[in-house]
PDB file of N, CA and C in Angstrom:
ATOM      1  N   MET A   1     -71.272   3.959 -91.406  1.00  0.00           N
ATOM      2  CA  MET A   1     -72.475   3.550 -92.088  1.00  0.00           C
ATOM      3  C   MET A   1     -73.503   3.116 -91.044  1.00  0.00           C
ATOM      4  N   ILE A   2     -74.756   3.487 -91.262  1.00  0.00           N
ATOM      5  CA  ILE A   2     -75.830   3.114 -90.351  1.00  0.00           C
ATOM      6  C   ILE A   2     -76.419   1.784 -90.812  1.00  0.00           C
ATOM      7  N   HIS A   3     -76.528   0.845 -89.883  1.00  0.00           N
ATOM      8  CA  HIS A   3     -77.113  -0.455 -90.183  1.00  0.00           C
ATOM      9  C   HIS A   3     -78.578  -0.452 -89.773  1.00  0.00           C
ATOM     10  N   ALA A   4     -79.430  -1.084 -90.567  1.00  0.00           N
ATOM     11  CA  ALA A   4     -80.871  -1.098 -90.299  1.00  0.00           C
ATOM     12  C   ALA A   4     -81.191  -1.695 -88.936  1.00  0.00           C
ATOM     13  N   ASP A   5     -80.394  -2.662 -88.478  1.00  0.00           N
ATOM     14  CA  ASP A   5     -80.687  -3.281 -87.188  1.00  0.00           C
ATOM     15  C   ASP A   5     -80.352  -2.375 -86.003  1.00  0.00           C
ATOM     16  N   SER A   6     -79.701  -1.234 -86.270  1.00  0.00           N
ATOM     17  CA  SER A   6     -79.405  -0.293 -85.185  1.00  0.00           C
ATOM     18  C   SER A   6     -80.443   0.821 -85.102  1.00  0.00           C
ATOM     19  N   ILE A   7     -81.457   0.783 -85.962  1.00  0.00           N
ATOM     20  CA  ILE A   7     -82.517   1.791 -85.951  1.00  0.00           C
ATOM     21  C   ILE A   7     -83.743   1.187 -85.287  1.00  0.00           C
ATOM     22  N   ASN A   8     -84.226   1.861 -84.245  1.00  0.00           N
ATOM     23  CA  ASN A   8     -85.397   1.383 -83.522  1.00  0.00           C
ATOM     24  C   ASN A   8     -86.452   2.481 -83.466  1.00  0.00           C
ATOM     25  N   TYR A   9     -87.705   2.095 -83.608  1.00  0.00           N
ATOM     26  CA  TYR A   9     -88.786   3.043 -83.399  1.00  0.00           C
ATOM     27  C   TYR A   9     -88.887   3.270 -81.900  1.00  0.00           C
ATOM     28  N   VAL A  10     -88.877   4.512 -81.478  1.00  0.00           N
ATOM     29  CA  VAL A  10     -88.917   4.803 -80.057  1.00  0.00           C
ATOM     30  C   VAL A  10     -90.287   5.319 -79.663  1.00  0.00           C
ATOM     31  N   MET A  11     -90.774   6.342 -80.338  1.00  0.00           N
ATOM     32  CA  MET A  11     -92.055   6.922 -79.959  1.00  0.00           C
ATOM     33  C   MET A  11     -92.475   7.969 -80.972  1.00  0.00           C
ATOM     34  N   THR A  12     -93.721   8.359 -80.885  1.00  0.00           N
ATOM     35  CA  THR A  12     -94.217   9.531 -81.580  1.00  0.00           C
ATOM     36  C   THR A  12     -94.395  10.597 -80.516  1.00  0.00           C
ATOM     37  N   ALA A  13     -93.923  11.791 -80.796  1.00  0.00           N
ATOM     38  CA  ALA A  13     -93.997  12.867 -79.801  1.00  0.00           C
ATOM     39  C   ALA A  13     -94.786  14.042 -80.372  1.00  0.00           C
ATOM     40  N   LEU A  14     -95.354  14.815 -79.483  1.00  0.00           N
ATOM     41  CA  LEU A  14     -96.034  16.041 -79.867  1.00  0.00           C
ATOM     42  C   LEU A  14     -95.162  17.221 -79.452  1.00  0.00           C
ATOM     43  N   LEU A  15     -95.157  18.241 -80.276  1.00  0.00           N
ATOM     44  CA  LEU A  15     -94.405  19.435 -79.925  1.00  0.00           C
ATOM     45  C   LEU A  15     -95.219  20.280 -78.966  1.00  0.00           C
ATOM     46  N   GLY A  16     -94.549  20.792 -77.947  1.00  0.00           N
ATOM     47  CA  GLY A  16     -95.194  21.694 -77.007  1.00  0.00           C
ATOM     48  C   GLY A  16     -95.293  23.088 -77.592  1.00  0.00           C
ATOM     49  N   GLU A  17     -95.852  23.993 -76.818  1.00  0.00           N
ATOM     50  CA  GLU A  17     -96.072  25.369 -77.251  1.00  0.00           C
ATOM     51  C   GLU A  17     -94.800  26.029 -77.772  1.00  0.00           C
ATOM     52  N   GLN A  18     -93.679  25.764 -77.136  1.00  0.00           N
ATOM     53  CA  GLN A  18     -92.418  26.410 -77.519  1.00  0.00           C
ATOM     54  C   GLN A  18     -91.518  25.478 -78.324  1.00  0.00           C
ATOM     55  N   GLY A  19     -92.092  24.464 -78.953  1.00  0.00           N
ATOM     56  CA  GLY A  19     -91.316  23.549 -79.775  1.00  0.00           C
ATOM     57  C   GLY A  19     -90.576  22.494 -78.988  1.00  0.00           C
ATOM     58  N   GLN A  20     -90.923  22.318 -77.722  1.00  0.00           N
ATOM     59  CA  GLN A  20     -90.246  21.333 -76.887  1.00  0.00           C
ATOM     60  C   GLN A  20     -90.826  19.945 -77.114  1.00  0.00           C
ATOM     61  N   MET A  21     -89.980  18.943 -76.906  1.00  0.00           N
ATOM     62  CA  MET A  21     -90.379  17.549 -77.046  1.00  0.00           C
ATOM     63  C   MET A  21     -89.789  16.789 -75.862  1.00  0.00           C
ATOM     64  N   ILE A  22     -90.540  15.852 -75.326  1.00  0.00           N
ATOM     65  CA  ILE A  22     -90.054  15.055 -74.200  1.00  0.00           C
ATOM     66  C   ILE A  22     -89.440  13.771 -74.744  1.00  0.00           C
ATOM     67  N   LEU A  23     -88.186  13.511 -74.335  1.00  0.00           N
ATOM     68  CA  LEU A  23     -87.530  12.260 -74.717  1.00  0.00           C
ATOM     69  C   LEU A  23     -88.011  11.157 -73.794  1.00  0.00           C
ATOM     70  N   PRO A  24     -88.205   9.956 -74.315  1.00  0.00           N
ATOM     71  CA  PRO A  24     -88.692   8.851 -73.485  1.00  0.00           C
ATOM     72  C   PRO A  24     -87.756   8.577 -72.307  1.00  0.00           C
ATOM     73  N   GLU A  25     -88.338   8.248 -71.174  1.00  0.00           N
ATOM     74  CA  GLU A  25     -87.569   7.981 -69.963  1.00  0.00           C
ATOM     75  C   GLU A  25     -86.546   6.864 -70.190  1.00  0.00           C
ATOM     76  N   GLU A  26     -86.952   5.809 -70.880  1.00  0.00           N
ATOM     77  CA  GLU A  26     -86.044   4.681 -71.136  1.00  0.00           C
ATOM     78  C   GLU A  26     -84.787   5.148 -71.884  1.00  0.00           C
ATOM     79  N   PHE A  27     -84.981   6.024 -72.874  1.00  0.00           N
ATOM     80  CA  PHE A  27     -83.845   6.545 -73.630  1.00  0.00           C
ATOM     81  C   PHE A  27     -82.976   7.435 -72.756  1.00  0.00           C
ATOM     82  N   ARG A  28     -83.604   8.330 -71.991  1.00  0.00           N
ATOM     83  CA  ARG A  28     -82.841   9.221 -71.102  1.00  0.00           C
ATOM     84  C   ARG A  28     -82.005   8.411 -70.122  1.00  0.00           C
ATOM     85  N   GLU A  29     -82.578   7.364 -69.567  1.00  0.00           N
ATOM     86  CA  GLU A  29     -81.844   6.528 -68.613  1.00  0.00           C
ATOM     87  C   GLU A  29     -80.717   5.764 -69.296  1.00  0.00           C
ATOM     88  N   SER A  30     -80.978   5.220 -70.477  1.00  0.00           N
ATOM     89  CA  SER A  30     -79.947   4.436 -71.170  1.00  0.00           C
ATOM     90  C   SER A  30     -78.759   5.320 -71.578  1.00  0.00           C
ATOM     91  N   GLN A  31     -79.019   6.592 -71.818  1.00  0.00           N
ATOM     92  CA  GLN A  31     -77.962   7.525 -72.207  1.00  0.00           C
ATOM     93  C   GLN A  31     -77.443   8.349 -71.034  1.00  0.00           C
ATOM     94  N   GLN A  32     -77.982   8.070 -69.857  1.00  0.00           N
ATOM     95  CA  GLN A  32     -77.612   8.787 -68.630  1.00  0.00           C
ATOM     96  C   GLN A  32     -77.763  10.294 -68.799  1.00  0.00           C
ATOM     97  N   LEU A  33     -78.903  10.691 -69.390  1.00  0.00           N
ATOM     98  CA  LEU A  33     -79.180  12.108 -69.622  1.00  0.00           C
ATOM     99  C   LEU A  33     -79.884  12.722 -68.426  1.00  0.00           C
ATOM    100  N   GLU A  34     -79.476  13.923 -68.112  1.00  0.00           N
ATOM    101  CA  GLU A  34     -80.063  14.686 -67.014  1.00  0.00           C
ATOM    102  C   GLU A  34     -80.623  15.987 -67.577  1.00  0.00           C
ATOM    103  N   PRO A  35     -81.582  16.609 -66.882  1.00  0.00           N
ATOM    104  CA  PRO A  35     -82.087  17.911 -67.345  1.00  0.00           C
ATOM    105  C   PRO A  35     -80.923  18.887 -67.550  1.00  0.00           C
ATOM    106  N   GLY A  36     -80.943  19.569 -68.674  1.00  0.00           N
ATOM    107  CA  GLY A  36     -79.895  20.541 -68.982  1.00  0.00           C
ATOM    108  C   GLY A  36     -78.738  19.981 -69.786  1.00  0.00           C
ATOM    109  N   ASP A  37     -78.658  18.647 -69.960  1.00  0.00           N
ATOM    110  CA  ASP A  37     -77.581  18.066 -70.760  1.00  0.00           C
ATOM    111  C   ASP A  37     -77.733  18.501 -72.224  1.00  0.00           C
ATOM    112  N   PRO A  38     -76.623  18.862 -72.872  1.00  0.00           N
ATOM    113  CA  PRO A  38     -76.705  19.277 -74.276  1.00  0.00           C
ATOM    114  C   PRO A  38     -76.915  18.084 -75.203  1.00  0.00           C
ATOM    115  N   ILE A  39     -77.700  18.321 -76.245  1.00  0.00           N
ATOM    116  CA  ILE A  39     -77.963  17.313 -77.268  1.00  0.00           C
ATOM    117  C   ILE A  39     -77.738  17.977 -78.620  1.00  0.00           C
ATOM    118  N   THR A  40     -76.904  17.380 -79.449  1.00  0.00           N
ATOM    119  CA  THR A  40     -76.662  17.895 -80.792  1.00  0.00           C
ATOM    120  C   THR A  40     -77.837  17.487 -81.672  1.00  0.00           C
ATOM    121  N   VAL A  41     -78.327  18.420 -82.478  1.00  0.00           N
ATOM    122  CA  VAL A  41     -79.432  18.153 -83.393  1.00  0.00           C
ATOM    123  C   VAL A  41     -78.911  18.352 -84.811  1.00  0.00           C
ATOM    124  N   LEU A  42     -78.960  17.292 -85.606  1.00  0.00           N
ATOM    125  CA  LEU A  42     -78.523  17.346 -86.997  1.00  0.00           C
ATOM    126  C   LEU A  42     -79.742  17.222 -87.898  1.00  0.00           C
ATOM    127  N   GLN A  43     -79.756  17.999 -88.972  1.00  0.00           N
ATOM    128  CA  GLN A  43     -80.828  17.864 -89.949  1.00  0.00           C
ATOM    129  C   GLN A  43     -80.309  17.010 -91.093  1.00  0.00           C
ATOM    130  N   PHE A  44     -81.051  15.966 -91.413  1.00  0.00           N
ATOM    131  CA  PHE A  44     -80.699  15.043 -92.481  1.00  0.00           C
ATOM    132  C   PHE A  44     -81.906  14.997 -93.409  1.00  0.00           C
ATOM    133  N   GLY A  45     -81.885  15.821 -94.450  1.00  0.00           N
ATOM    134  CA  GLY A  45     -83.065  15.955 -95.297  1.00  0.00           C
ATOM    135  C   GLY A  45     -84.187  16.565 -94.478  1.00  0.00           C
ATOM    136  N   ASN A  46     -85.327  15.890 -94.424  1.00  0.00           N
ATOM    137  CA  ASN A  46     -86.444  16.387 -93.620  1.00  0.00           C
ATOM    138  C   ASN A  46     -86.534  15.684 -92.264  1.00  0.00           C
ATOM    139  N   GLN A  47     -85.430  15.080 -91.849  1.00  0.00           N
ATOM    140  CA  GLN A  47     -85.393  14.360 -90.579  1.00  0.00           C
ATOM    141  C   GLN A  47     -84.403  15.017 -89.632  1.00  0.00           C
ATOM    142  N   LEU A  48     -84.634  14.830 -88.350  1.00  0.00           N
ATOM    143  CA  LEU A  48     -83.711  15.298 -87.335  1.00  0.00           C
ATOM    144  C   LEU A  48     -83.062  14.104 -86.659  1.00  0.00           C
ATOM    145  N   ILE A  49     -81.787  14.236 -86.379  1.00  0.00           N
ATOM    146  CA  ILE A  49     -81.055  13.213 -85.651  1.00  0.00           C
ATOM    147  C   ILE A  49     -80.585  13.853 -84.355  1.00  0.00           C
ATOM    148  N   LEU A  50     -80.920  13.240 -83.223  1.00  0.00           N
ATOM    149  CA  LEU A  50     -80.533  13.753 -81.916  1.00  0.00           C
ATOM    150  C   LEU A  50     -79.372  12.914 -81.395  1.00  0.00           C
ATOM    151  N   ILE A  51     -78.290  13.588 -81.018  1.00  0.00           N
ATOM    152  CA  ILE A  51     -77.116  12.882 -80.506  1.00  0.00           C
ATOM    153  C   ILE A  51     -76.732  13.499 -79.168  1.00  0.00           C
ATOM    154  N   PRO A  52     -76.902  12.749 -78.083  1.00  0.00           N
ATOM    155  CA  PRO A  52     -76.464  13.282 -76.789  1.00  0.00           C
ATOM    156  C   PRO A  52     -74.974  13.605 -76.855  1.00  0.00           C
ATOM    157  N   GLU A  53     -74.599  14.796 -76.387  1.00  0.00           N
ATOM    158  CA  GLU A  53     -73.201  15.220 -76.473  1.00  0.00           C
ATOM    159  C   GLU A  53     -72.287  14.279 -75.704  1.00  0.00           C
ATOM    160  N   LYS A  54     -72.788  13.639 -74.641  1.00  0.00           N
ATOM    161  CA  LYS A  54     -71.964  12.677 -73.906  1.00  0.00           C
ATOM    162  C   LYS A  54     -71.532  11.556 -74.848  1.00  0.00           C
ATOM    163  N   ALA A  55     -72.476  11.062 -75.643  1.00  0.00           N
ATOM    164  CA  ALA A  55     -72.169   9.984 -76.587  1.00  0.00           C
ATOM    165  C   ALA A  55     -71.244  10.485 -77.682  1.00  0.00           C
ATOM    166  N   LEU A  56     -71.509  11.688 -78.174  1.00  0.00           N
ATOM    167  CA  LEU A  56     -70.687  12.271 -79.224  1.00  0.00           C
ATOM    168  C   LEU A  56     -69.253  12.451 -78.736  1.00  0.00           C
ATOM    169  N   PHE A  57     -69.099  12.944 -77.508  1.00  0.00           N
ATOM    170  CA  PHE A  57     -67.765  13.133 -76.934  1.00  0.00           C
ATOM    171  C   PHE A  57     -67.066  11.786 -76.759  1.00  0.00           C
ATOM    172  N   GLY A  58     -67.796  10.780 -76.311  1.00  0.00           N
ATOM    173  CA  GLY A  58     -67.218   9.441 -76.153  1.00  0.00           C
ATOM    174  C   GLY A  58     -66.720   8.880 -77.474  1.00  0.00           C
ATOM    175  N   GLU A  59     -67.523   9.030 -78.525  1.00  0.00           N
ATOM    176  CA  GLU A  59     -67.127   8.544 -79.845  1.00  0.00           C
ATOM    177  C   GLU A  59     -65.907   9.304 -80.356  1.00  0.00           C
ATOM    178  N   LEU A  60     -65.909  10.622 -80.164  1.00  0.00           N
ATOM    179  CA  LEU A  60     -64.782  11.441 -80.597  1.00  0.00           C
ATOM    180  C   LEU A  60     -63.507  11.037 -79.853  1.00  0.00           C
ATOM    181  N   SER A  61     -63.623  10.825 -78.550  1.00  0.00           N
ATOM    182  CA  SER A  61     -62.465  10.429 -77.741  1.00  0.00           C
ATOM    183  C   SER A  61     -61.914   9.086 -78.197  1.00  0.00           C
ATOM    184  N   ASN A  62     -62.800   8.130 -78.435  1.00  0.00           N
ATOM    185  CA  ASN A  62     -62.362   6.807 -78.892  1.00  0.00           C
ATOM    186  C   ASN A  62     -61.689   6.882 -80.260  1.00  0.00           C
ATOM    187  N   SER A  63     -62.247   7.702 -81.142  1.00  0.00           N
ATOM    188  CA  SER A  63     -61.672   7.869 -82.474  1.00  0.00           C
ATOM    189  C   SER A  63     -60.286   8.505 -82.389  1.00  0.00           C
ATOM    190  N   PHE A  64     -60.169   9.525 -81.553  1.00  0.00           N
ATOM    191  CA  PHE A  64     -58.894  10.217 -81.364  1.00  0.00           C
ATOM    192  C   PHE A  64     -57.850   9.253 -80.789  1.00  0.00           C
ATOM    193  N   ALA A  65     -58.235   8.484 -79.787  1.00  0.00           N
ATOM    194  CA  ALA A  65     -57.315   7.528 -79.166  1.00  0.00           C
ATOM    195  C   ALA A  65     -56.856   6.483 -80.180  1.00  0.00           C
ATOM    196  N   ALA A  66     -57.766   6.016 -81.022  1.00  0.00           N
ATOM    197  CA  ALA A  66     -57.412   5.015 -82.032  1.00  0.00           C
ATOM    198  C   ALA A  66     -56.424   5.588 -83.048  1.00  0.00           C
ATOM    199  N   LYS A  67     -56.639   6.837 -83.460  1.00  0.00           N
ATOM    200  CA  LYS A  67     -55.722   7.476 -84.416  1.00  0.00           C
ATOM    201  C   LYS A  67     -54.327   7.633 -83.808  1.00  0.00           C
ATOM    202  N   LEU A  68     -54.267   8.049 -82.548  1.00  0.00           N
ATOM    203  CA  LEU A  68     -52.973   8.186 -81.881  1.00  0.00           C
ATOM    204  C   LEU A  68     -52.272   6.836 -81.792  1.00  0.00           C
ATOM    205  N   GLU A  69     -53.023   5.809 -81.438  1.00  0.00           N
ATOM    206  CA  GLU A  69     -52.447   4.470 -81.314  1.00  0.00           C
ATOM    207  C   GLU A  69     -51.914   3.985 -82.656  1.00  0.00           C
ATOM    208  N   GLN A  70     -52.685   4.221 -83.724  1.00  0.00           N
ATOM    209  CA  GLN A  70     -52.246   3.827 -85.067  1.00  0.00           C
ATOM    210  C   GLN A  70     -50.962   4.548 -85.467  1.00  0.00           C
ATOM    211  N   ALA A  71     -50.807   5.781 -85.003  1.00  0.00           N
ATOM    212  CA  ALA A  71     -49.612   6.565 -85.326  1.00  0.00           C
ATOM    213  C   ALA A  71     -48.450   6.247 -84.395  1.00  0.00           C
ATOM    214  N   GLY A  72     -48.680   5.359 -83.424  1.00  0.00           N
ATOM    215  CA  GLY A  72     -47.622   4.977 -82.505  1.00  0.00           C
ATOM    216  C   GLY A  72     -47.338   6.030 -81.432  1.00  0.00           C
ATOM    217  N   ILE A  73     -48.305   6.897 -81.198  1.00  0.00           N
ATOM    218  CA  ILE A  73     -48.131   7.951 -80.195  1.00  0.00           C
ATOM    219  C   ILE A  73     -48.717   7.465 -78.879  1.00  0.00           C
ATOM    220  N   THR A  74     -47.905   7.492 -77.839  1.00  0.00           N
ATOM    221  CA  THR A  74     -48.353   7.034 -76.525  1.00  0.00           C
ATOM    222  C   THR A  74     -48.737   8.225 -75.649  1.00  0.00           C
ATOM    223  N   GLU A  75     -49.460   7.932 -74.588  1.00  0.00           N
ATOM    224  CA  GLU A  75     -49.809   8.984 -73.633  1.00  0.00           C
ATOM    225  C   GLU A  75     -48.534   9.578 -73.028  1.00  0.00           C
ATOM    226  N   GLU A  76     -47.554   8.718 -72.750  1.00  0.00           N
ATOM    227  CA  GLU A  76     -46.268   9.171 -72.194  1.00  0.00           C
ATOM    228  C   GLU A  76     -45.596  10.191 -73.103  1.00  0.00           C
ATOM    229  N   SER A  77     -45.544   9.884 -74.394  1.00  0.00           N
ATOM    230  CA  SER A  77     -44.864  10.798 -75.324  1.00  0.00           C
ATOM    231  C   SER A  77     -45.620  12.120 -75.443  1.00  0.00           C
ATOM    232  N   LEU A  78     -46.935  12.057 -75.381  1.00  0.00           N
ATOM    233  CA  LEU A  78     -47.720  13.296 -75.398  1.00  0.00           C
ATOM    234  C   LEU A  78     -47.421  14.141 -74.164  1.00  0.00           C
ATOM    235  N   GLN A  79     -47.411  13.508 -73.009  1.00  0.00           N
ATOM    236  CA  GLN A  79     -47.144  14.227 -71.767  1.00  0.00           C
ATOM    237  C   GLN A  79     -45.748  14.858 -71.794  1.00  0.00           C
ATOM    238  N   GLU A  80     -44.770  14.127 -72.325  1.00  0.00           N
ATOM    239  CA  GLU A  80     -43.394  14.632 -72.384  1.00  0.00           C
ATOM    240  C   GLU A  80     -43.271  15.839 -73.306  1.00  0.00           C
ATOM    241  N   SER A  81     -44.072  15.864 -74.369  1.00  0.00           N
ATOM    242  CA  SER A  81     -43.957  16.958 -75.345  1.00  0.00           C
ATOM    243  C   SER A  81     -44.760  18.204 -74.953  1.00  0.00           C
ATOM    244  N   LEU A  82     -45.610  18.112 -73.952  1.00  0.00           N
ATOM    245  CA  LEU A  82     -46.467  19.249 -73.598  1.00  0.00           C
ATOM    246  C   LEU A  82     -45.714  20.516 -73.219  1.00  0.00           C
ATOM    247  N   PRO A  83     -44.699  20.472 -72.346  1.00  0.00           N
ATOM    248  CA  PRO A  83     -44.022  21.727 -71.981  1.00  0.00           C
ATOM    249  C   PRO A  83     -43.462  22.475 -73.194  1.00  0.00           C
ATOM    250  N   GLN A  84     -42.781  21.782 -74.085  1.00  0.00           N
ATOM    251  CA  GLN A  84     -42.205  22.419 -75.271  1.00  0.00           C
ATOM    252  C   GLN A  84     -43.315  22.939 -76.190  1.00  0.00           C
ATOM    253  N   THR A  85     -44.373  22.170 -76.360  1.00  0.00           N
ATOM    254  CA  THR A  85     -45.477  22.590 -77.219  1.00  0.00           C
ATOM    255  C   THR A  85     -46.156  23.833 -76.658  1.00  0.00           C
ATOM    256  N   ARG A  86     -46.379  23.852 -75.345  1.00  0.00           N
ATOM    257  CA  ARG A  86     -46.981  25.037 -74.718  1.00  0.00           C
ATOM    258  C   ARG A  86     -46.122  26.269 -74.934  1.00  0.00           C
ATOM    259  N   LEU A  87     -44.809  26.127 -74.785  1.00  0.00           N
ATOM    260  CA  LEU A  87     -43.893  27.240 -74.977  1.00  0.00           C
ATOM    261  C   LEU A  87     -43.965  27.749 -76.418  1.00  0.00           C
ATOM    262  N   GLU A  88     -43.959  26.841 -77.380  1.00  0.00           N
ATOM    263  CA  GLU A  88     -44.039  27.223 -78.792  1.00  0.00           C
ATOM    264  C   GLU A  88     -45.337  27.964 -79.101  1.00  0.00           C
ATOM    265  N   VAL A  89     -46.439  27.476 -78.567  1.00  0.00           N
ATOM    266  CA  VAL A  89     -47.733  28.132 -78.793  1.00  0.00           C
ATOM    267  C   VAL A  89     -47.749  29.507 -78.141  1.00  0.00           C
ATOM    268  N   ALA A  90     -47.225  29.609 -76.932  1.00  0.00           N
ATOM    269  CA  ALA A  90     -47.175  30.900 -76.237  1.00  0.00           C
ATOM    270  C   ALA A  90     -46.331  31.896 -77.026  1.00  0.00           C
ATOM    271  N   LYS A  91     -45.185  31.465 -77.529  1.00  0.00           N
ATOM    272  CA  LYS A  91     -44.324  32.354 -78.312  1.00  0.00           C
ATOM    273  C   LYS A  91     -45.013  32.816 -79.600  1.00  0.00           C
ATOM    274  N   GLU A  92     -45.765  31.915 -80.198  1.00  0.00           N
ATOM    275  CA  GLU A  92     -46.463  32.254 -81.442  1.00  0.00           C
ATOM    276  C   GLU A  92     -47.576  33.269 -81.190  1.00  0.00           C
ATOM    277  N   HIS A  93     -48.334  33.072 -80.118  1.00  0.00           N
ATOM    278  CA  HIS A  93     -49.487  33.931 -79.846  1.00  0.00           C
ATOM    279  C   HIS A  93     -49.144  35.193 -79.060  1.00  0.00           C
ATOM    280  N   TYR A  94     -48.069  35.159 -78.290  1.00  0.00           N
ATOM    281  CA  TYR A  94     -47.690  36.292 -77.444  1.00  0.00           C
ATOM    282  C   TYR A  94     -46.210  36.612 -77.624  1.00  0.00           C
ATOM    283  N   PRO A  95     -45.776  36.949 -78.833  1.00  0.00           N
ATOM    284  CA  PRO A  95     -44.351  37.165 -79.084  1.00  0.00           C
ATOM    285  C   PRO A  95     -43.775  38.298 -78.233  1.00  0.00           C
ATOM    286  N   GLU A  96     -44.603  39.269 -77.867  1.00  0.00           N
ATOM    287  CA  GLU A  96     -44.100  40.386 -77.069  1.00  0.00           C
ATOM    288  C   GLU A  96     -43.612  39.941 -75.700  1.00  0.00           C
ATOM    289  N   LEU A  97     -44.113  38.842 -75.194  1.00  0.00           N
ATOM    290  CA  LEU A  97     -43.667  38.335 -73.899  1.00  0.00           C
ATOM    291  C   LEU A  97     -42.288  37.688 -73.973  1.00  0.00           C
ATOM    292  N   PHE A  98     -41.851  37.359 -75.188  1.00  0.00           N
ATOM    293  CA  PHE A  98     -40.592  36.642 -75.360  1.00  0.00           C
ATOM    294  C   PHE A  98     -39.576  37.442 -76.169  1.00  0.00           C
ATOM    295  N   SER A  99     -39.824  38.719 -76.394  1.00  0.00           N
ATOM    296  CA  SER A  99     -38.970  39.511 -77.280  1.00  0.00           C
ATOM    297  C   SER A  99     -37.548  39.684 -76.749  1.00  0.00           C
ATOM    298  N   ASP A 100     -37.340  39.591 -75.425  1.00  0.00           N
ATOM    299  CA  ASP A 100     -36.000  39.754 -74.877  1.00  0.00           C
ATOM    300  C   ASP A 100     -35.234  38.437 -74.766  1.00  0.00           C
ATOM    301  N   GLN A 101     -35.859  37.319 -75.210  1.00  0.00           N
ATOM    302  CA  GLN A 101     -35.193  36.022 -75.163  1.00  0.00           C
ATOM    303  C   GLN A 101     -34.660  35.673 -76.537  1.00  0.00           C
ATOM    304  N   PRO A 102     -33.510  34.994 -76.603  1.00  0.00           N
ATOM    305  CA  PRO A 102     -32.969  34.614 -77.920  1.00  0.00           C
ATOM    306  C   PRO A 102     -33.894  33.635 -78.633  1.00  0.00           C
ATOM    307  N   THR A 103     -33.996  33.784 -79.925  1.00  0.00           N
ATOM    308  CA  THR A 103     -34.822  32.876 -80.722  1.00  0.00           C
ATOM    309  C   THR A 103     -34.032  31.606 -80.997  1.00  0.00           C
ATOM    310  N   GLU A 104     -34.713  30.592 -81.519  1.00  0.00           N
ATOM    311  CA  GLU A 104     -34.063  29.318 -81.858  1.00  0.00           C
ATOM    312  C   GLU A 104     -32.956  29.544 -82.899  1.00  0.00           C
ATOM    313  N   GLU A 105     -33.228  30.477 -83.848  1.00  0.00           N
ATOM    314  CA  GLU A 105     -32.260  30.729 -84.913  1.00  0.00           C
ATOM    315  C   GLU A 105     -30.964  31.343 -84.340  1.00  0.00           C
ATOM    316  N   ALA A 106     -31.103  32.156 -83.272  1.00  0.00           N
ATOM    317  CA  ALA A 106     -29.949  32.846 -82.705  1.00  0.00           C
ATOM    318  C   ALA A 106     -29.067  31.938 -81.851  1.00  0.00           C
ATOM    319  N   LYS A 107     -29.593  30.810 -81.457  1.00  0.00           N
ATOM    320  CA  LYS A 107     -28.823  29.903 -80.591  1.00  0.00           C
ATOM    321  C   LYS A 107     -27.735  29.181 -81.346  1.00  0.00           C
TER     322      LYS A 107
END
């Protein structure tokens, strides 16, 4: 949920010839944005919401980490399961590479 105290007026901008808009320097610095950094643009009714992908990735990572923690999954257990998971995915996507090996059912 968006809280009113987290919404700030930043600036009024003019669109350039090719629809470009300059983000305020203060905002670029606070978000550590550099030329060429991707920004997600969401349309919300007749409004646009700009989300720097760095921030979006950070939020996604934090959310993912919290879900894993709630499920009792540790980084150690994830690391331990990777070799078996990779093998299972490879067998599923490239069965021809494993056709001469016994399947789990045959063991």
